[in-house]
Amino acid sequence: MVWVIVLVVVLVVLALLLVGLYNRLVRLRNRVDNAWSQIEVQLKRRWDLIPNLVETVKGYAAHERGTFEAVTEARTRAQQASSPAEAAQAEGILSQALGRLFAVAEAYPDLKATQNFQELQAQLADTENKVAVSRQVYNDTVLTYHNAIQTFPGALFAGPFGFTSREFFEVEDQAQRDAPVVDF
């Protein structure tokens, strides 16, 4: 009779531990999703600033049509990215296109002196910083999640409960790792 009570207590304790582990993995997975959403919020802010920048520069440098089209196309591709890897690649291309846009702006001192252009540049620089912080938070959160599903006891139960690895937000091309040059 005593061994039955001990067995029931052990089973209850194991069940409670399993529930606790499952809940922890759910919380971590939700943090990863939230961190990705924060990146998307900042990228949306960046995408919303870009048309204003292009229009401002267009007024001064209408003959730079290829640069404007490249920025617009890169922005569209970035908005359509559906995974961290696709987003990283598209954002790198967009950063390069923005760098070319700012190079065009360098040739027009009157443009650089306008209040609107300066405000847009400052907002973009601020947004770039927020994107960088959001990417770091996302990658840290993914690391914590991976540690939980790849270490004992999470490794035993993560797969059967449907917890799978997530992608880190990584830029593969070294040229894309460099931030666009914003020269005031």
N, C-alpha and C. Protein backbone atom coordinates (compact mmCIF):
# COMPACT_ATOMS: atom_id res chain seq x y z
N MET A 1 0.81 -1.19 0.00
CA MET A 1 0.00 0.00 0.00
C MET A 1 0.86 1.27 0.00
N VAL A 2 1.97 1.28 0.73
CA VAL A 2 2.85 2.43 0.80
C VAL A 2 3.50 2.69 -0.56
N TRP A 3 3.89 1.64 -1.24
CA TRP A 3 4.52 1.81 -2.54
C TRP A 3 3.56 2.42 -3.56
N VAL A 4 2.25 2.16 -3.43
CA VAL A 4 1.26 2.77 -4.32
C VAL A 4 1.20 4.28 -4.08
N ILE A 5 1.23 4.69 -2.82
CA ILE A 5 1.21 6.11 -2.48
C ILE A 5 2.48 6.79 -3.00
N VAL A 6 3.62 6.13 -2.82
CA VAL A 6 4.90 6.67 -3.31
C VAL A 6 4.86 6.79 -4.83
N LEU A 7 4.34 5.78 -5.50
CA LEU A 7 4.25 5.80 -6.96
C LEU A 7 3.33 6.93 -7.43
N VAL A 8 2.20 7.12 -6.77
CA VAL A 8 1.28 8.20 -7.13
C VAL A 8 1.95 9.56 -6.91
N VAL A 9 2.64 9.73 -5.79
CA VAL A 9 3.32 10.99 -5.50
C VAL A 9 4.39 11.25 -6.56
N VAL A 10 5.16 10.24 -6.92
CA VAL A 10 6.21 10.40 -7.94
C VAL A 10 5.57 10.77 -9.28
N LEU A 11 4.49 10.12 -9.65
CA LEU A 11 3.81 10.44 -10.91
C LEU A 11 3.25 11.86 -10.91
N VAL A 12 2.69 12.28 -9.79
CA VAL A 12 2.17 13.65 -9.68
C VAL A 12 3.31 14.66 -9.80
N VAL A 13 4.41 14.40 -9.13
CA VAL A 13 5.56 15.30 -9.20
C VAL A 13 6.09 15.36 -10.63
N LEU A 14 6.21 14.22 -11.30
CA LEU A 14 6.67 14.21 -12.69
C LEU A 14 5.70 14.95 -13.60
N ALA A 15 4.41 14.77 -13.37
CA ALA A 15 3.42 15.47 -14.18
C ALA A 15 3.53 16.98 -13.97
N LEU A 16 3.72 17.41 -12.73
CA LEU A 16 3.88 18.84 -12.44
C LEU A 16 5.15 19.40 -13.09
N LEU A 17 6.22 18.65 -13.04
CA LEU A 17 7.47 19.08 -13.69
C LEU A 17 7.28 19.19 -15.20
N LEU A 18 6.57 18.23 -15.78
CA LEU A 18 6.32 18.25 -17.21
C LEU A 18 5.46 19.46 -17.60
N VAL A 19 4.45 19.75 -16.82
CA VAL A 19 3.60 20.92 -17.06
C VAL A 19 4.44 22.19 -16.94
N GLY A 20 5.28 22.26 -15.93
CA GLY A 20 6.14 23.42 -15.75
C GLY A 20 7.09 23.60 -16.93
N LEU A 21 7.69 22.51 -17.40
CA LEU A 21 8.59 22.57 -18.55
C LEU A 21 7.83 23.02 -19.79
N TYR A 22 6.67 22.44 -20.03
CA TYR A 22 5.86 22.81 -21.19
C TYR A 22 5.52 24.30 -21.14
N ASN A 23 5.08 24.78 -20.00
CA ASN A 23 4.72 26.20 -19.87
C ASN A 23 5.93 27.10 -20.11
N ARG A 24 7.09 26.69 -19.64
CA ARG A 24 8.31 27.47 -19.85
C ARG A 24 8.64 27.55 -21.34
N LEU A 25 8.52 26.42 -22.03
CA LEU A 25 8.81 26.41 -23.47
C LEU A 25 7.81 27.27 -24.23
N VAL A 26 6.56 27.25 -23.83
CA VAL A 26 5.55 28.10 -24.47
C VAL A 26 5.89 29.58 -24.25
N ARG A 27 6.26 29.93 -23.04
CA ARG A 27 6.63 31.33 -22.75
C ARG A 27 7.83 31.77 -23.59
N LEU A 28 8.81 30.90 -23.72
CA LEU A 28 10.00 31.24 -24.51
C LEU A 28 9.66 31.37 -26.00
N ARG A 29 8.83 30.46 -26.49
CA ARG A 29 8.42 30.54 -27.90
C ARG A 29 7.65 31.84 -28.14
N ASN A 30 6.79 32.21 -27.21
CA ASN A 30 6.03 33.45 -27.35
C ASN A 30 6.95 34.67 -27.29
N ARG A 31 7.99 34.61 -26.49
CA ARG A 31 8.96 35.72 -26.45
C ARG A 31 9.67 35.87 -27.78
N VAL A 32 10.00 34.73 -28.41
CA VAL A 32 10.63 34.78 -29.73
C VAL A 32 9.69 35.45 -30.72
N ASP A 33 8.43 35.04 -30.72
CA ASP A 33 7.45 35.64 -31.62
C ASP A 33 7.30 37.14 -31.36
N ASN A 34 7.26 37.52 -30.09
CA ASN A 34 7.15 38.93 -29.73
C ASN A 34 8.39 39.71 -30.18
N ALA A 35 9.55 39.14 -29.99
CA ALA A 35 10.78 39.82 -30.40
C ALA A 35 10.80 40.03 -31.91
N TRP A 36 10.33 39.03 -32.66
CA TRP A 36 10.26 39.19 -34.12
C TRP A 36 9.27 40.29 -34.48
N SER A 37 8.16 40.35 -33.77
CA SER A 37 7.17 41.40 -34.02
C SER A 37 7.77 42.79 -33.78
N GLN A 38 8.63 42.91 -32.78
CA GLN A 38 9.27 44.20 -32.51
C GLN A 38 10.20 44.61 -33.66
N ILE A 39 10.88 43.63 -34.25
CA ILE A 39 11.71 43.93 -35.43
C ILE A 39 10.80 44.43 -36.55
N GLU A 40 9.69 43.75 -36.77
CA GLU A 40 8.78 44.15 -37.84
C GLU A 40 8.23 45.55 -37.62
N VAL A 41 7.97 45.92 -36.38
CA VAL A 41 7.48 47.28 -36.08
C VAL A 41 8.52 48.31 -36.51
N GLN A 42 9.77 48.06 -36.17
CA GLN A 42 10.82 49.02 -36.52
C GLN A 42 11.07 49.05 -38.02
N LEU A 43 11.01 47.87 -38.66
CA LEU A 43 11.21 47.84 -40.10
C LEU A 43 10.07 48.57 -40.81
N LYS A 44 8.86 48.43 -40.31
CA LYS A 44 7.72 49.14 -40.91
C LYS A 44 7.94 50.65 -40.79
N ARG A 45 8.43 51.08 -39.64
CA ARG A 45 8.72 52.50 -39.47
C ARG A 45 9.76 52.95 -40.50
N ARG A 46 10.77 52.12 -40.69
CA ARG A 46 11.81 52.43 -41.67
C ARG A 46 11.22 52.49 -43.07
N TRP A 47 10.38 51.51 -43.41
CA TRP A 47 9.77 51.48 -44.74
C TRP A 47 8.89 52.71 -44.97
N ASP A 48 8.23 53.18 -43.92
CA ASP A 48 7.36 54.35 -44.04
C ASP A 48 8.17 55.62 -44.25
N LEU A 49 9.38 55.68 -43.73
CA LEU A 49 10.23 56.87 -43.91
C LEU A 49 10.82 56.95 -45.31
N ILE A 50 11.06 55.81 -45.91
CA ILE A 50 11.79 55.77 -47.18
C ILE A 50 11.08 56.54 -48.31
N PRO A 51 9.77 56.35 -48.52
CA PRO A 51 9.13 57.13 -49.60
C PRO A 51 9.28 58.64 -49.39
N ASN A 52 9.21 59.10 -48.15
CA ASN A 52 9.39 60.53 -47.88
C ASN A 52 10.80 60.98 -48.25
N LEU A 53 11.78 60.17 -47.92
CA LEU A 53 13.16 60.50 -48.29
C LEU A 53 13.31 60.57 -49.81
N VAL A 54 12.79 59.56 -50.48
CA VAL A 54 12.91 59.51 -51.94
C VAL A 54 12.25 60.73 -52.56
N GLU A 55 11.06 61.07 -52.11
CA GLU A 55 10.37 62.23 -52.67
C GLU A 55 11.14 63.52 -52.41
N THR A 56 11.71 63.64 -51.24
CA THR A 56 12.48 64.84 -50.91
C THR A 56 13.69 64.96 -51.82
N VAL A 57 14.41 63.86 -52.02
CA VAL A 57 15.60 63.89 -52.87
C VAL A 57 15.19 64.07 -54.33
N LYS A 58 14.08 63.48 -54.73
CA LYS A 58 13.61 63.59 -56.12
C LYS A 58 13.46 65.04 -56.56
N GLY A 59 12.99 65.86 -55.65
CA GLY A 59 12.80 67.26 -55.98
C GLY A 59 14.09 67.95 -56.38
N TYR A 60 15.19 67.47 -55.90
CA TYR A 60 16.49 68.10 -56.19
C TYR A 60 17.27 67.35 -57.26
N ALA A 61 17.03 66.07 -57.38
CA ALA A 61 17.86 65.25 -58.27
C ALA A 61 16.97 64.36 -59.14
N ALA A 62 16.10 64.95 -59.90
CA ALA A 62 15.13 64.20 -60.69
C ALA A 62 15.80 63.27 -61.70
N HIS A 63 17.01 63.58 -62.14
CA HIS A 63 17.68 62.76 -63.15
C HIS A 63 18.29 61.47 -62.56
N GLU A 64 18.20 61.26 -61.25
CA GLU A 64 18.75 60.07 -60.60
C GLU A 64 17.69 58.97 -60.49
N ARG A 65 16.93 58.78 -61.53
CA ARG A 65 15.79 57.86 -61.53
C ARG A 65 16.18 56.44 -61.14
N GLY A 66 17.29 55.95 -61.62
CA GLY A 66 17.72 54.57 -61.31
C GLY A 66 17.90 54.35 -59.82
N THR A 67 18.44 55.32 -59.14
CA THR A 67 18.64 55.22 -57.69
C THR A 67 17.29 55.16 -56.97
N PHE A 68 16.35 56.00 -57.40
CA PHE A 68 15.03 56.02 -56.76
C PHE A 68 14.31 54.69 -56.98
N GLU A 69 14.42 54.17 -58.19
CA GLU A 69 13.76 52.89 -58.49
C GLU A 69 14.38 51.75 -57.67
N ALA A 70 15.71 51.79 -57.51
CA ALA A 70 16.38 50.75 -56.73
C ALA A 70 15.93 50.78 -55.28
N VAL A 71 15.80 51.97 -54.72
CA VAL A 71 15.35 52.09 -53.33
C VAL A 71 13.91 51.58 -53.19
N THR A 72 13.06 51.99 -54.11
CA THR A 72 11.66 51.58 -54.07
C THR A 72 11.53 50.07 -54.22
N GLU A 73 12.27 49.50 -55.15
CA GLU A 73 12.22 48.05 -55.36
C GLU A 73 12.76 47.30 -54.15
N ALA A 74 13.84 47.77 -53.58
CA ALA A 74 14.42 47.12 -52.39
C ALA A 74 13.46 47.21 -51.21
N ARG A 75 12.77 48.33 -51.07
CA ARG A 75 11.78 48.49 -49.99
C ARG A 75 10.65 47.49 -50.16
N THR A 76 10.18 47.33 -51.39
CA THR A 76 9.10 46.38 -51.66
C THR A 76 9.53 44.96 -51.33
N ARG A 77 10.74 44.59 -51.74
CA ARG A 77 11.25 43.24 -51.44
C ARG A 77 11.37 43.03 -49.94
N ALA A 78 11.82 44.04 -49.22
CA ALA A 78 11.97 43.92 -47.77
C ALA A 78 10.60 43.73 -47.10
N GLN A 79 9.59 44.42 -47.60
CA GLN A 79 8.26 44.28 -47.03
C GLN A 79 7.67 42.90 -47.28
N GLN A 80 8.09 42.24 -48.34
CA GLN A 80 7.53 40.94 -48.71
C GLN A 80 8.28 39.77 -48.07
N ALA A 81 9.38 40.03 -47.40
CA ALA A 81 10.15 38.95 -46.77
C ALA A 81 9.31 38.28 -45.70
N SER A 82 9.39 36.95 -45.65
CA SER A 82 8.53 36.22 -44.71
C SER A 82 9.28 35.48 -43.61
N SER A 83 10.58 35.42 -43.69
CA SER A 83 11.34 34.73 -42.65
C SER A 83 12.52 35.62 -42.23
N PRO A 84 13.11 35.32 -41.08
CA PRO A 84 14.27 36.13 -40.67
C PRO A 84 15.40 36.13 -41.70
N ALA A 85 15.65 34.99 -42.33
CA ALA A 85 16.72 34.93 -43.33
C ALA A 85 16.39 35.80 -44.54
N GLU A 86 15.16 35.71 -45.04
CA GLU A 86 14.75 36.54 -46.17
C GLU A 86 14.77 38.02 -45.79
N ALA A 87 14.30 38.31 -44.59
CA ALA A 87 14.29 39.70 -44.13
C ALA A 87 15.69 40.26 -44.02
N ALA A 88 16.61 39.47 -43.50
CA ALA A 88 18.00 39.92 -43.36
C ALA A 88 18.60 40.24 -44.72
N GLN A 89 18.36 39.36 -45.69
CA GLN A 89 18.91 39.58 -47.03
C GLN A 89 18.27 40.82 -47.67
N ALA A 90 16.96 40.93 -47.59
CA ALA A 90 16.27 42.06 -48.20
C ALA A 90 16.63 43.38 -47.52
N GLU A 91 16.77 43.36 -46.20
CA GLU A 91 17.14 44.59 -45.49
C GLU A 91 18.56 45.01 -45.83
N GLY A 92 19.45 44.05 -46.06
CA GLY A 92 20.80 44.39 -46.47
C GLY A 92 20.82 45.10 -47.81
N ILE A 93 20.02 44.59 -48.74
CA ILE A 93 19.93 45.21 -50.07
C ILE A 93 19.32 46.60 -49.95
N LEU A 94 18.31 46.74 -49.10
CA LEU A 94 17.69 48.04 -48.88
C LEU A 94 18.70 49.03 -48.28
N SER A 95 19.51 48.58 -47.35
CA SER A 95 20.52 49.45 -46.75
C SER A 95 21.51 49.94 -47.79
N GLN A 96 21.90 49.06 -48.70
CA GLN A 96 22.82 49.47 -49.77
C GLN A 96 22.16 50.51 -50.68
N ALA A 97 20.89 50.29 -51.01
CA ALA A 97 20.17 51.24 -51.86
C ALA A 97 20.04 52.60 -51.17
N LEU A 98 19.78 52.58 -49.86
CA LEU A 98 19.70 53.84 -49.12
C LEU A 98 21.05 54.55 -49.11
N GLY A 99 22.11 53.77 -49.01
CA GLY A 99 23.45 54.37 -49.06
C GLY A 99 23.67 55.12 -50.37
N ARG A 100 23.20 54.51 -51.48
CA ARG A 100 23.33 55.18 -52.78
C ARG A 100 22.46 56.44 -52.83
N LEU A 101 21.26 56.38 -52.21
CA LEU A 101 20.39 57.54 -52.17
C LEU A 101 21.06 58.69 -51.42
N PHE A 102 21.70 58.38 -50.30
CA PHE A 102 22.38 59.43 -49.55
C PHE A 102 23.61 59.94 -50.29
N ALA A 103 24.22 59.09 -51.09
CA ALA A 103 25.35 59.55 -51.90
C ALA A 103 24.86 60.57 -52.93
N VAL A 104 23.69 60.32 -53.50
CA VAL A 104 23.09 61.29 -54.43
C VAL A 104 22.83 62.60 -53.69
N ALA A 105 22.29 62.50 -52.47
CA ALA A 105 21.97 63.70 -51.70
C ALA A 105 23.21 64.53 -51.40
N GLU A 106 24.35 63.87 -51.28
CA GLU A 106 25.61 64.58 -51.00
C GLU A 106 25.93 65.60 -52.09
N ALA A 107 25.51 65.32 -53.31
CA ALA A 107 25.83 66.20 -54.43
C ALA A 107 24.97 67.46 -54.44
N TYR A 108 24.01 67.56 -53.53
CA TYR A 108 23.09 68.70 -53.53
C TYR A 108 23.10 69.38 -52.16
N PRO A 109 23.98 70.38 -51.97
CA PRO A 109 24.08 71.06 -50.68
C PRO A 109 22.76 71.71 -50.23
N ASP A 110 21.98 72.21 -51.19
CA ASP A 110 20.70 72.82 -50.82
C ASP A 110 19.76 71.78 -50.22
N LEU A 111 19.79 70.58 -50.76
CA LEU A 111 18.95 69.50 -50.25
C LEU A 111 19.37 69.14 -48.83
N LYS A 112 20.68 68.99 -48.62
CA LYS A 112 21.17 68.62 -47.29
C LYS A 112 20.83 69.67 -46.25
N ALA A 113 20.64 70.90 -46.69
CA ALA A 113 20.37 71.99 -45.75
C ALA A 113 18.88 72.12 -45.41
N THR A 114 18.01 71.47 -46.15
CA THR A 114 16.58 71.63 -45.88
C THR A 114 16.19 70.94 -44.58
N GLN A 115 15.28 71.57 -43.87
CA GLN A 115 14.80 71.06 -42.58
C GLN A 115 14.15 69.68 -42.76
N ASN A 116 13.35 69.53 -43.80
CA ASN A 116 12.64 68.27 -44.02
C ASN A 116 13.63 67.12 -44.21
N PHE A 117 14.64 67.34 -45.04
CA PHE A 117 15.62 66.29 -45.30
C PHE A 117 16.40 65.95 -44.02
N GLN A 118 16.78 66.96 -43.28
CA GLN A 118 17.53 66.72 -42.04
C GLN A 118 16.69 65.93 -41.03
N GLU A 119 15.41 66.29 -40.92
CA GLU A 119 14.54 65.55 -40.01
C GLU A 119 14.37 64.10 -40.44
N LEU A 120 14.18 63.89 -41.74
CA LEU A 120 14.04 62.52 -42.24
C LEU A 120 15.31 61.71 -42.00
N GLN A 121 16.46 62.33 -42.22
CA GLN A 121 17.73 61.63 -41.96
C GLN A 121 17.86 61.28 -40.48
N ALA A 122 17.50 62.21 -39.62
CA ALA A 122 17.59 61.94 -38.18
C ALA A 122 16.64 60.83 -37.77
N GLN A 123 15.42 60.84 -38.31
CA GLN A 123 14.46 59.79 -38.00
C GLN A 123 14.95 58.44 -38.51
N LEU A 124 15.55 58.44 -39.69
CA LEU A 124 16.06 57.18 -40.24
C LEU A 124 17.23 56.67 -39.40
N ALA A 125 18.11 57.54 -38.98
CA ALA A 125 19.23 57.12 -38.13
C ALA A 125 18.71 56.55 -36.81
N ASP A 126 17.72 57.21 -36.23
CA ASP A 126 17.11 56.71 -34.99
C ASP A 126 16.46 55.34 -35.22
N THR A 127 15.78 55.20 -36.33
CA THR A 127 15.12 53.93 -36.65
C THR A 127 16.16 52.84 -36.87
N GLU A 128 17.26 53.15 -37.54
CA GLU A 128 18.32 52.16 -37.75
C GLU A 128 18.84 51.65 -36.40
N ASN A 129 18.99 52.55 -35.44
CA ASN A 129 19.44 52.14 -34.11
C ASN A 129 18.40 51.23 -33.45
N LYS A 130 17.14 51.58 -33.58
CA LYS A 130 16.08 50.76 -32.99
C LYS A 130 16.00 49.39 -33.66
N VAL A 131 16.21 49.33 -34.96
CA VAL A 131 16.23 48.05 -35.67
C VAL A 131 17.38 47.19 -35.14
N ALA A 132 18.54 47.80 -34.97
CA ALA A 132 19.70 47.05 -34.48
C ALA A 132 19.43 46.49 -33.09
N VAL A 133 18.84 47.29 -32.21
CA VAL A 133 18.52 46.81 -30.86
C VAL A 133 17.48 45.70 -30.93
N SER A 134 16.46 45.87 -31.76
CA SER A 134 15.43 44.85 -31.88
C SER A 134 15.99 43.54 -32.42
N ARG A 135 16.91 43.63 -33.36
CA ARG A 135 17.55 42.41 -33.89
C ARG A 135 18.34 41.70 -32.79
N GLN A 136 19.05 42.47 -31.99
CA GLN A 136 19.84 41.89 -30.90
C GLN A 136 18.92 41.20 -29.88
N VAL A 137 17.85 41.87 -29.51
CA VAL A 137 16.89 41.28 -28.57
C VAL A 137 16.30 40.00 -29.15
N TYR A 138 15.95 40.03 -30.42
CA TYR A 138 15.40 38.83 -31.08
C TYR A 138 16.40 37.68 -31.04
N ASN A 139 17.63 37.95 -31.43
CA ASN A 139 18.64 36.89 -31.45
C ASN A 139 18.92 36.36 -30.04
N ASP A 140 18.94 37.24 -29.04
CA ASP A 140 19.12 36.79 -27.66
C ASP A 140 17.96 35.90 -27.21
N THR A 141 16.76 36.28 -27.61
CA THR A 141 15.58 35.51 -27.25
C THR A 141 15.58 34.15 -27.94
N VAL A 142 15.98 34.12 -29.20
CA VAL A 142 16.08 32.84 -29.91
C VAL A 142 17.14 31.96 -29.25
N LEU A 143 18.24 32.54 -28.83
CA LEU A 143 19.28 31.78 -28.14
C LEU A 143 18.74 31.14 -26.86
N THR A 144 18.03 31.91 -26.06
CA THR A 144 17.45 31.38 -24.83
C THR A 144 16.48 30.25 -25.14
N TYR A 145 15.65 30.45 -26.14
CA TYR A 145 14.69 29.42 -26.56
C TYR A 145 15.42 28.15 -27.02
N HIS A 146 16.45 28.32 -27.87
CA HIS A 146 17.22 27.17 -28.33
C HIS A 146 17.87 26.43 -27.16
N ASN A 147 18.42 27.17 -26.23
CA ASN A 147 19.02 26.53 -25.06
C ASN A 147 17.99 25.69 -24.31
N ALA A 148 16.78 26.20 -24.20
CA ALA A 148 15.73 25.47 -23.47
C ALA A 148 15.29 24.21 -24.20
N ILE A 149 15.22 24.24 -25.52
CA ILE A 149 14.75 23.04 -26.24
C ILE A 149 15.88 22.07 -26.59
N GLN A 150 17.13 22.50 -26.40
CA GLN A 150 18.25 21.64 -26.76
C GLN A 150 18.99 21.08 -25.55
N THR A 151 18.63 21.51 -24.35
CA THR A 151 19.27 20.99 -23.15
C THR A 151 18.29 20.12 -22.38
N PHE A 152 18.84 19.29 -21.51
CA PHE A 152 18.01 18.39 -20.71
C PHE A 152 17.26 19.19 -19.66
N PRO A 153 16.05 18.97 -19.40
CA PRO A 153 15.14 17.95 -19.91
C PRO A 153 14.33 18.40 -21.13
N GLY A 154 14.50 19.68 -21.53
CA GLY A 154 13.73 20.20 -22.65
C GLY A 154 13.93 19.41 -23.93
N ALA A 155 15.14 18.92 -24.14
CA ALA A 155 15.44 18.17 -25.36
C ALA A 155 14.59 16.90 -25.46
N LEU A 156 14.20 16.33 -24.34
CA LEU A 156 13.39 15.11 -24.35
C LEU A 156 11.95 15.39 -24.79
N PHE A 157 11.45 16.55 -24.45
CA PHE A 157 10.04 16.82 -24.66
C PHE A 157 9.74 17.88 -25.72
N ALA A 158 10.71 18.67 -26.11
CA ALA A 158 10.46 19.76 -27.06
C ALA A 158 9.92 19.23 -28.39
N GLY A 159 10.57 18.23 -28.94
CA GLY A 159 10.13 17.66 -30.22
C GLY A 159 8.72 17.11 -30.18
N PRO A 160 8.42 16.22 -29.25
CA PRO A 160 7.06 15.67 -29.18
C PRO A 160 5.98 16.73 -28.93
N PHE A 161 6.35 17.82 -28.24
CA PHE A 161 5.37 18.87 -27.97
C PHE A 161 5.32 19.91 -29.09
N GLY A 162 6.12 19.75 -30.14
CA GLY A 162 6.06 20.64 -31.30
C GLY A 162 6.92 21.89 -31.21
N PHE A 163 7.88 21.91 -30.33
CA PHE A 163 8.77 23.07 -30.22
C PHE A 163 9.96 22.84 -31.13
N THR A 164 10.11 23.68 -32.14
CA THR A 164 11.19 23.52 -33.11
C THR A 164 12.10 24.74 -33.09
N SER A 165 13.26 24.59 -33.65
CA SER A 165 14.24 25.68 -33.71
C SER A 165 13.70 26.85 -34.52
N ARG A 166 14.18 28.02 -34.21
CA ARG A 166 13.85 29.24 -34.95
C ARG A 166 15.12 29.78 -35.57
N GLU A 167 14.95 30.55 -36.63
CA GLU A 167 16.09 31.14 -37.32
C GLU A 167 16.58 32.37 -36.56
N PHE A 168 17.90 32.53 -36.54
CA PHE A 168 18.49 33.77 -36.06
C PHE A 168 18.38 34.79 -37.18
N PHE A 169 18.38 36.06 -36.83
CA PHE A 169 18.38 37.13 -37.82
C PHE A 169 19.84 37.43 -38.14
N GLU A 170 20.31 36.84 -39.24
CA GLU A 170 21.72 36.98 -39.60
C GLU A 170 21.85 37.57 -40.99
N VAL A 171 22.84 38.41 -41.16
CA VAL A 171 23.17 38.95 -42.46
C VAL A 171 24.34 38.13 -42.99
N GLU A 172 24.12 37.51 -44.15
CA GLU A 172 25.13 36.59 -44.68
C GLU A 172 26.22 37.29 -45.49
N ASP A 173 25.87 38.29 -46.26
CA ASP A 173 26.80 38.99 -47.11
C ASP A 173 27.52 40.07 -46.31
N GLN A 174 28.83 40.06 -46.30
CA GLN A 174 29.61 41.02 -45.52
C GLN A 174 29.30 42.45 -45.92
N ALA A 175 29.06 42.70 -47.19
CA ALA A 175 28.75 44.06 -47.64
C ALA A 175 27.43 44.54 -47.04
N GLN A 176 26.52 43.60 -46.77
CA GLN A 176 25.24 43.97 -46.18
C GLN A 176 25.35 44.22 -44.69
N ARG A 177 26.42 43.77 -44.06
CA ARG A 177 26.59 43.96 -42.62
C ARG A 177 26.88 45.41 -42.27
N ASP A 178 27.40 46.16 -43.23
CA ASP A 178 27.74 47.55 -42.98
C ASP A 178 26.47 48.40 -43.03
N ALA A 179 26.31 49.26 -42.06
CA ALA A 179 25.16 50.15 -42.02
C ALA A 179 25.27 51.18 -43.13
N PRO A 180 24.15 51.66 -43.64
CA PRO A 180 24.23 52.70 -44.66
C PRO A 180 24.87 53.95 -44.06
N VAL A 181 25.66 54.62 -44.86
CA VAL A 181 26.32 55.83 -44.39
C VAL A 181 25.34 56.98 -44.49
N VAL A 182 25.05 57.57 -43.36
CA VAL A 182 24.17 58.73 -43.31
C VAL A 182 25.04 59.90 -42.88
N ASP A 183 25.37 60.74 -43.85
CA ASP A 183 26.29 61.85 -43.58
C ASP A 183 25.51 63.14 -43.48
N PHE A 184 25.57 63.76 -42.34
CA PHE A 184 24.88 65.03 -42.14
C PHE A 184 25.80 66.15 -42.51
